[in-house]
Amino acid sequence: MLKPQTMRKVAHAPDRPLTIVTDDVPKPGPHEVLIRVAAAGINRPDLMQRAGLYPPPPGAPTTLGLEAAGEIVELGAGVTRWHVGEQVTALLAGGGYAEFALAHEGAVLPIPKDLSLIEAAALPETVMTVWANVFESAALQPGETLLIHGGASGIGTTAIQMAKAHGARVIVTAGDDAKCALCEKLGADRAINYRTNDFEVAVRDLGGADVVLDMVGGPYVQKNLDLLNDGGRCVMIAFLQGPQAEVNLMRLMLKRLTLTGSTLRSRAVEEKARIARAVEAQVWPWIAAGKVKPVIDSTFTLNEAEAAHARLKSGAHAGKIVLTM
């Protein structure tokens, strides 16, 4: 199939609806591949970028979209592993909400066996975020207890399955009983409806947690420190209730706790490539064995990107929301 010269993509501006515009198809630079996008995952950082709160790194595409799956149609100079015609999924610096997207070769991954392109598009940002934070920064060990806030989110549903495949005990919080039931179906040992229960008390009654994966921030931070066991680790990946928190540092010292956090997008391409290879070596076999599978909440076409964002913003979703081309 001939590669066209132009493509459709989503354009955004603060406080304005998403629109579809036409632009030139990008040209891959050294060590980049051009992907004809079949599907693109939607993530909360997209909402932040749209609002002007999460600018792309220097040199990255300004178009939204941090992950996509599709077919490689062109190779940049120096690409050795990948070939034109291969179906892949990739972590992107931006540009996924388009018919074509560029990816650095190191952030490209093969499609796991038996997964659709829609399912594959929901993997890179989510799986790599969980791996980098829960398994590397927090060093979750088999037999330890992981508390996941937002258990029914794309990150949460993935983290549950990865932690269980690793041999950990999993407790999650979620916003309603249906979401709690989904989390337990995915393997969570206990799901707590935070609207009807005090999760701090509930987790402490269950023996506390060794690792917390938190995307809420704000008042949750001190609660996390209070429920962590000695030597516990809390990893922040977002702050839905704000980036500011009042913290009792004495609790941190007496219990020898670690409070850390990270973003994935701003990391160097070499670091993203290293994480991608670790994920391919450790997580892809879990997917092949049926222990981990992306949970797809819903799909929207490129023309329906505004509706897709509305669903993500509402918090009604369970699992990942994906755009299809």
Protein backbone atom coordinates (compact mmCIF):
# COMPACT_ATOMS: atom_id res chain seq x y z
CA MET A 1 0.00 0.00 0.00
CA LEU A 2 1.39 3.39 -0.98
CA LYS A 3 2.07 5.83 1.85
CA PRO A 4 0.04 9.03 1.44
CA GLN A 5 1.63 12.44 1.79
CA THR A 6 -0.95 13.82 4.21
CA MET A 7 -2.79 12.46 7.24
CA ARG A 8 -5.62 13.27 9.62
CA LYS A 9 -4.80 14.04 13.24
CA VAL A 10 -6.41 15.51 16.35
CA ALA A 11 -5.61 19.14 17.17
CA HIS A 12 -6.08 20.64 20.63
CA ALA A 13 -5.98 23.95 22.46
CA PRO A 14 -6.83 24.83 26.09
CA ASP A 15 -10.56 25.27 26.74
CA ARG A 16 -11.49 24.38 23.16
CA PRO A 17 -12.99 21.20 21.65
CA LEU A 18 -10.72 18.72 19.93
CA THR A 19 -10.77 19.03 16.15
CA ILE A 20 -9.55 16.98 13.18
CA VAL A 21 -7.00 18.65 10.92
CA THR A 22 -4.85 17.58 7.98
CA ASP A 23 -1.05 17.61 8.21
CA ASP A 24 1.92 16.20 6.38
CA VAL A 25 2.90 12.62 7.19
CA PRO A 26 6.08 12.88 9.30
CA LYS A 27 9.41 11.55 8.06
CA PRO A 28 11.35 9.21 10.37
CA GLY A 29 14.72 10.49 11.54
CA PRO A 30 17.69 8.36 12.56
CA HIS A 31 16.65 5.36 14.68
CA GLU A 32 12.95 6.15 14.25
CA VAL A 33 10.16 4.15 12.61
CA LEU A 34 6.99 5.47 11.02
CA ILE A 35 3.87 3.58 12.08
CA ARG A 36 0.54 3.56 10.24
CA VAL A 37 -1.59 3.79 13.37
CA ALA A 38 -4.47 1.36 13.79
CA ALA A 39 -5.26 2.27 17.40
CA ALA A 40 -3.97 4.68 20.05
CA GLY A 41 -4.34 4.46 23.81
CA ILE A 42 -5.79 7.39 25.76
CA ASN A 43 -4.19 8.38 29.06
CA ARG A 44 -4.74 11.04 31.74
CA PRO A 45 -1.55 12.90 30.76
CA ASP A 46 -3.37 13.62 27.47
CA LEU A 47 -5.99 15.58 29.44
CA MET A 48 -3.22 17.46 31.24
CA GLN A 49 -1.44 18.32 28.00
CA ARG A 50 -4.70 19.46 26.44
CA ALA A 51 -5.21 21.82 29.41
CA GLY A 52 -1.72 23.25 28.96
CA LEU A 53 -0.35 21.60 32.12
CA TYR A 54 1.89 18.91 30.62
CA PRO A 55 3.97 20.25 27.71
CA PRO A 56 5.74 17.73 25.50
CA PRO A 57 9.52 17.39 25.83
CA PRO A 58 11.67 19.48 23.45
CA GLY A 59 11.50 18.10 19.94
CA ALA A 60 8.49 15.84 20.63
CA PRO A 61 5.32 16.08 18.52
CA THR A 62 2.75 18.48 19.96
CA THR A 63 -0.10 16.17 18.94
CA LEU A 64 -1.66 14.17 21.80
CA GLY A 65 -1.07 10.45 22.21
CA LEU A 66 1.59 8.52 24.15
CA GLU A 67 1.07 4.99 22.79
CA ALA A 68 -0.10 3.40 19.56
CA ALA A 69 -0.18 0.14 17.64
CA GLY A 70 -0.10 -0.45 13.91
CA GLU A 71 2.14 -1.34 10.97
CA ILE A 72 5.63 -0.05 10.28
CA VAL A 73 5.65 1.65 6.88
CA GLU A 74 9.04 3.38 6.85
CA LEU A 75 12.40 3.11 8.63
CA GLY A 76 14.79 5.87 9.56
CA ALA A 77 18.54 5.55 9.14
CA GLY A 78 20.20 3.09 11.48
CA VAL A 79 17.12 1.02 12.40
CA THR A 80 18.20 -2.62 12.58
CA ARG A 81 15.66 -4.70 14.51
CA TRP A 82 12.42 -3.67 12.80
CA HIS A 83 11.20 -4.10 9.23
CA VAL A 84 8.57 -2.50 7.02
CA GLY A 85 5.32 -4.45 7.25
CA GLU A 86 5.75 -5.57 10.88
CA GLN A 87 2.88 -4.98 13.28
CA VAL A 88 4.09 -3.36 16.49
CA THR A 89 3.07 -1.34 19.50
CA ALA A 90 5.11 1.59 20.76
CA LEU A 91 5.59 4.14 23.50
CA LEU A 92 5.52 7.59 21.92
CA ALA A 93 6.81 11.01 22.97
CA GLY A 94 3.57 12.29 21.41
CA GLY A 95 1.62 12.08 18.17
CA GLY A 96 -0.53 8.99 18.69
CA TYR A 97 -3.84 10.70 17.87
CA ALA A 98 -3.06 10.57 14.15
CA GLU A 99 -3.10 8.22 11.19
CA PHE A 100 0.72 8.03 11.25
CA ALA A 101 3.11 8.38 14.19
CA LEU A 102 6.85 8.31 14.80
CA ALA A 103 8.48 6.13 17.44
CA HIS A 104 12.08 5.67 18.49
CA GLU A 105 13.13 2.12 17.63
CA GLY A 106 14.02 1.39 21.26
CA ALA A 107 10.47 2.13 22.44
CA VAL A 108 8.89 -0.23 19.91
CA LEU A 109 7.62 -3.65 21.00
CA PRO A 110 6.27 -6.67 19.11
CA ILE A 111 2.55 -7.39 19.36
CA PRO A 112 2.04 -10.10 21.98
CA LYS A 113 0.57 -13.31 20.58
CA ASP A 114 -3.23 -13.45 20.29
CA LEU A 115 -3.74 -9.76 21.10
CA SER A 116 -5.59 -7.42 18.76
CA LEU A 117 -4.11 -4.10 17.68
CA ILE A 118 -6.65 -2.37 19.92
CA GLU A 119 -5.47 -4.37 22.93
CA ALA A 120 -1.83 -3.85 21.97
CA ALA A 121 -2.33 -0.07 21.78
CA ALA A 122 -3.38 -0.10 25.44
CA LEU A 123 -0.10 -1.65 26.63
CA PRO A 124 3.05 0.50 26.33
CA GLU A 125 2.35 3.56 28.51
CA THR A 126 0.49 1.51 31.10
CA VAL A 127 2.75 -1.52 31.37
CA MET A 128 5.95 0.50 31.26
CA THR A 129 4.65 2.91 33.93
CA VAL A 130 3.76 0.02 36.25
CA TRP A 131 7.05 -1.74 35.61
CA ALA A 132 9.21 1.34 36.16
CA ASN A 133 7.40 2.38 39.34
CA VAL A 134 6.17 -0.78 41.07
CA PHE A 135 8.83 -3.25 40.03
CA GLU A 136 11.89 -1.02 39.70
CA SER A 137 11.47 2.05 41.95
CA ALA A 138 9.44 0.27 44.64
CA ALA A 139 11.07 -3.15 44.09
CA LEU A 140 7.89 -5.12 44.85
CA GLN A 141 8.77 -8.64 46.01
CA PRO A 142 6.73 -11.86 45.81
CA GLY A 143 4.71 -12.24 49.00
CA GLU A 144 4.57 -8.51 49.70
CA THR A 145 1.32 -6.53 49.72
CA LEU A 146 0.69 -3.89 47.07
CA LEU A 147 -2.02 -1.25 47.53
CA ILE A 148 -3.24 0.26 44.26
CA HIS A 149 -5.37 3.39 44.27
CA GLY A 150 -7.67 3.64 41.26
CA GLY A 151 -7.77 -0.11 40.82
CA ALA A 152 -10.26 0.00 37.94
CA SER A 153 -8.24 2.48 35.87
CA GLY A 154 -6.06 1.44 32.96
CA ILE A 155 -3.00 1.59 35.21
CA GLY A 156 -4.85 -0.15 38.05
CA THR A 157 -6.22 -3.08 36.07
CA THR A 158 -2.77 -3.67 34.60
CA ALA A 159 -0.96 -3.34 37.93
CA ILE A 160 -3.30 -5.87 39.58
CA GLN A 161 -2.50 -8.52 36.99
CA MET A 162 1.24 -7.83 36.88
CA ALA A 163 1.56 -7.91 40.67
CA LYS A 164 -0.40 -11.17 40.94
CA ALA A 165 1.71 -12.74 38.19
CA HIS A 166 4.74 -11.73 40.27
CA GLY A 167 3.35 -13.46 43.35
CA ALA A 168 2.31 -10.41 45.38
CA ARG A 169 -0.83 -9.84 47.45
CA VAL A 170 -2.97 -7.03 46.06
CA ILE A 171 -5.39 -4.60 47.71
CA VAL A 172 -7.08 -1.90 45.65
CA THR A 173 -9.36 1.08 46.12
CA ALA A 174 -12.11 1.90 43.62
CA GLY A 175 -15.11 4.23 43.45
CA ASP A 176 -18.06 1.84 43.32
CA ASP A 177 -19.00 -1.76 43.98
CA ALA A 178 -19.01 -2.74 40.30
CA LYS A 179 -15.44 -1.52 39.89
CA CYS A 180 -14.45 -3.34 43.07
CA ALA A 181 -15.96 -6.54 41.67
CA LEU A 182 -13.99 -6.12 38.43
CA CYS A 183 -10.75 -5.66 40.37
CA GLU A 184 -11.36 -8.85 42.36
CA LYS A 185 -12.20 -10.72 39.16
CA LEU A 186 -8.81 -9.61 37.81
CA GLY A 187 -7.10 -11.08 40.88
CA ALA A 188 -7.14 -8.44 43.60
CA ASP A 189 -7.29 -10.10 47.03
CA ARG A 190 -9.42 -7.28 48.40
CA ALA A 191 -11.11 -4.28 46.77
CA ILE A 192 -12.24 -1.36 48.95
CA ASN A 193 -14.96 1.07 47.91
CA TYR A 194 -13.39 4.33 49.08
CA ARG A 195 -16.74 6.14 48.94
CA THR A 196 -18.24 3.91 51.62
CA ASN A 197 -15.16 2.80 53.58
CA ASP A 198 -12.11 4.45 55.12
CA PHE A 199 -9.41 2.74 53.07
CA GLU A 200 -6.68 3.59 55.57
CA VAL A 201 -8.47 1.75 58.37
CA ALA A 202 -9.42 -1.15 56.08
CA VAL A 203 -5.85 -1.65 54.80
CA ARG A 204 -4.37 -1.47 58.29
CA ASP A 205 -6.91 -4.08 59.44
CA LEU A 206 -5.69 -6.27 56.58
CA GLY A 207 -2.10 -6.05 57.81
CA GLY A 208 -0.95 -2.91 56.03
CA ALA A 209 0.87 -2.57 52.74
CA ASP A 210 4.50 -2.86 51.71
CA VAL A 211 4.12 -0.84 48.49
CA VAL A 212 1.55 1.79 47.49
CA LEU A 213 0.93 2.88 43.88
CA ASP A 214 -0.82 6.24 44.15
CA MET A 215 -2.31 8.41 41.42
CA VAL A 216 -4.46 10.53 43.75
CA GLY A 217 -2.02 12.60 45.82
CA GLY A 218 -3.31 15.36 48.07
CA PRO A 219 -4.72 13.95 51.34
CA TYR A 220 -3.93 10.39 50.28
CA VAL A 221 -0.20 10.92 50.79
CA GLN A 222 -0.26 10.99 54.59
CA LYS A 223 -2.78 8.14 54.69
CA ASN A 224 -0.42 6.08 52.54
CA LEU A 225 2.46 6.71 54.92
CA ASP A 226 0.30 5.81 57.91
CA LEU A 227 -0.79 2.44 56.49
CA LEU A 228 2.60 1.37 55.13
CA ASN A 229 4.51 -1.31 57.01
CA ASP A 230 8.08 -0.71 58.20
CA GLY A 231 10.37 -0.30 55.20
CA GLY A 232 7.39 0.41 52.94
CA ARG A 233 7.57 2.29 49.65
CA CYS A 234 5.01 4.73 48.21
CA VAL A 235 5.28 5.63 44.52
CA MET A 236 3.41 8.64 43.12
CA ILE A 237 2.50 8.65 39.43
CA ALA A 238 -0.27 11.31 39.36
CA PHE A 239 -2.21 13.63 41.67
CA LEU A 240 -5.92 13.72 40.88
CA GLN A 241 -6.53 15.50 44.19
CA GLY A 242 -3.64 17.91 43.81
CA PRO A 243 0.18 17.96 43.98
CA GLN A 244 0.34 19.58 47.42
CA ALA A 245 0.30 17.50 50.61
CA GLU A 246 1.08 18.02 54.30
CA VAL A 247 3.27 15.14 55.45
CA ASN A 248 4.42 14.05 58.90
CA LEU A 249 8.10 13.37 58.27
CA MET A 250 8.49 11.68 61.64
CA ARG A 251 6.32 8.83 60.32
CA LEU A 252 8.66 8.58 57.35
CA MET A 253 11.72 8.34 59.60
CA LEU A 254 10.40 6.00 62.29
CA LYS A 255 9.07 3.48 59.78
CA ARG A 256 12.01 3.87 57.36
CA LEU A 257 9.66 4.65 54.50
CA THR A 258 10.44 5.70 50.94
CA LEU A 259 8.26 8.27 49.16
CA THR A 260 9.11 8.70 45.51
CA GLY A 261 7.53 9.35 42.13
CA SER A 262 8.25 9.63 38.44
CA THR A 263 6.98 10.38 34.97
CA LEU A 264 7.78 8.31 31.91
CA ARG A 265 7.52 10.82 29.09
CA SER A 266 10.48 13.00 30.08
CA ARG A 267 12.97 10.14 30.35
CA ALA A 268 15.78 9.83 27.83
CA VAL A 269 15.21 7.57 24.83
CA GLU A 270 17.92 5.23 26.13
CA GLU A 271 16.09 4.85 29.44
CA LYS A 272 12.77 4.19 27.71
CA ALA A 273 14.48 1.59 25.53
CA ARG A 274 15.90 -0.12 28.61
CA ILE A 275 12.45 -0.26 30.24
CA ALA A 276 10.91 -1.54 27.01
CA ARG A 277 13.38 -4.41 26.84
CA ALA A 278 12.75 -5.28 30.49
CA VAL A 279 9.00 -5.29 29.84
CA GLU A 280 9.44 -7.48 26.77
CA ALA A 281 11.56 -9.94 28.76
CA GLN A 282 9.43 -10.04 31.92
CA VAL A 283 5.86 -8.98 31.12
CA TRP A 284 5.35 -10.27 27.58
CA PRO A 285 5.71 -13.90 28.83
CA TRP A 286 2.97 -13.18 31.40
CA ILE A 287 0.76 -11.96 28.56
CA ALA A 288 1.60 -15.05 26.48
CA ALA A 289 0.65 -17.23 29.48
CA GLY A 290 -2.69 -15.45 29.89
CA LYS A 291 -1.73 -13.95 33.26
CA VAL A 292 -1.92 -10.35 32.03
CA LYS A 293 -4.31 -8.92 29.46
CA PRO A 294 -5.35 -5.31 28.83
CA VAL A 295 -8.88 -4.45 29.95
CA ILE A 296 -10.57 -2.37 27.24
CA ASP A 297 -13.35 -0.14 28.52
CA SER A 298 -14.41 1.31 25.18
CA THR A 299 -13.23 2.37 21.73
CA PHE A 300 -13.87 5.60 19.84
CA THR A 301 -12.97 6.63 16.30
CA LEU A 302 -10.56 9.49 15.65
CA ASN A 303 -13.56 11.71 14.92
CA GLU A 304 -14.93 10.86 18.38
CA ALA A 305 -11.82 11.91 20.31
CA GLU A 306 -13.78 14.57 22.21
CA ALA A 307 -16.25 11.95 23.44
CA ALA A 308 -13.37 9.66 24.41
CA HIS A 309 -11.85 12.42 26.53
CA ALA A 310 -15.22 13.11 28.13
CA ARG A 311 -15.47 9.48 29.20
CA LEU A 312 -11.97 9.49 30.66
CA LYS A 313 -12.61 12.76 32.48
CA SER A 314 -15.89 11.46 33.93
CA GLY A 315 -14.14 8.61 35.73
CA ALA A 316 -16.90 6.22 34.67
CA HIS A 317 -14.54 4.01 32.69
CA ALA A 318 -13.00 0.71 33.84
CA GLY A 319 -9.82 -0.19 32.00
CA LYS A 320 -8.40 1.57 28.95
CA ILE A 321 -10.10 3.81 26.41
CA VAL A 322 -8.71 3.45 22.88
CA LEU A 323 -9.00 5.51 19.69
CA THR A 324 -9.26 3.62 16.41
CA MET A 325 -8.36 4.98 13.00
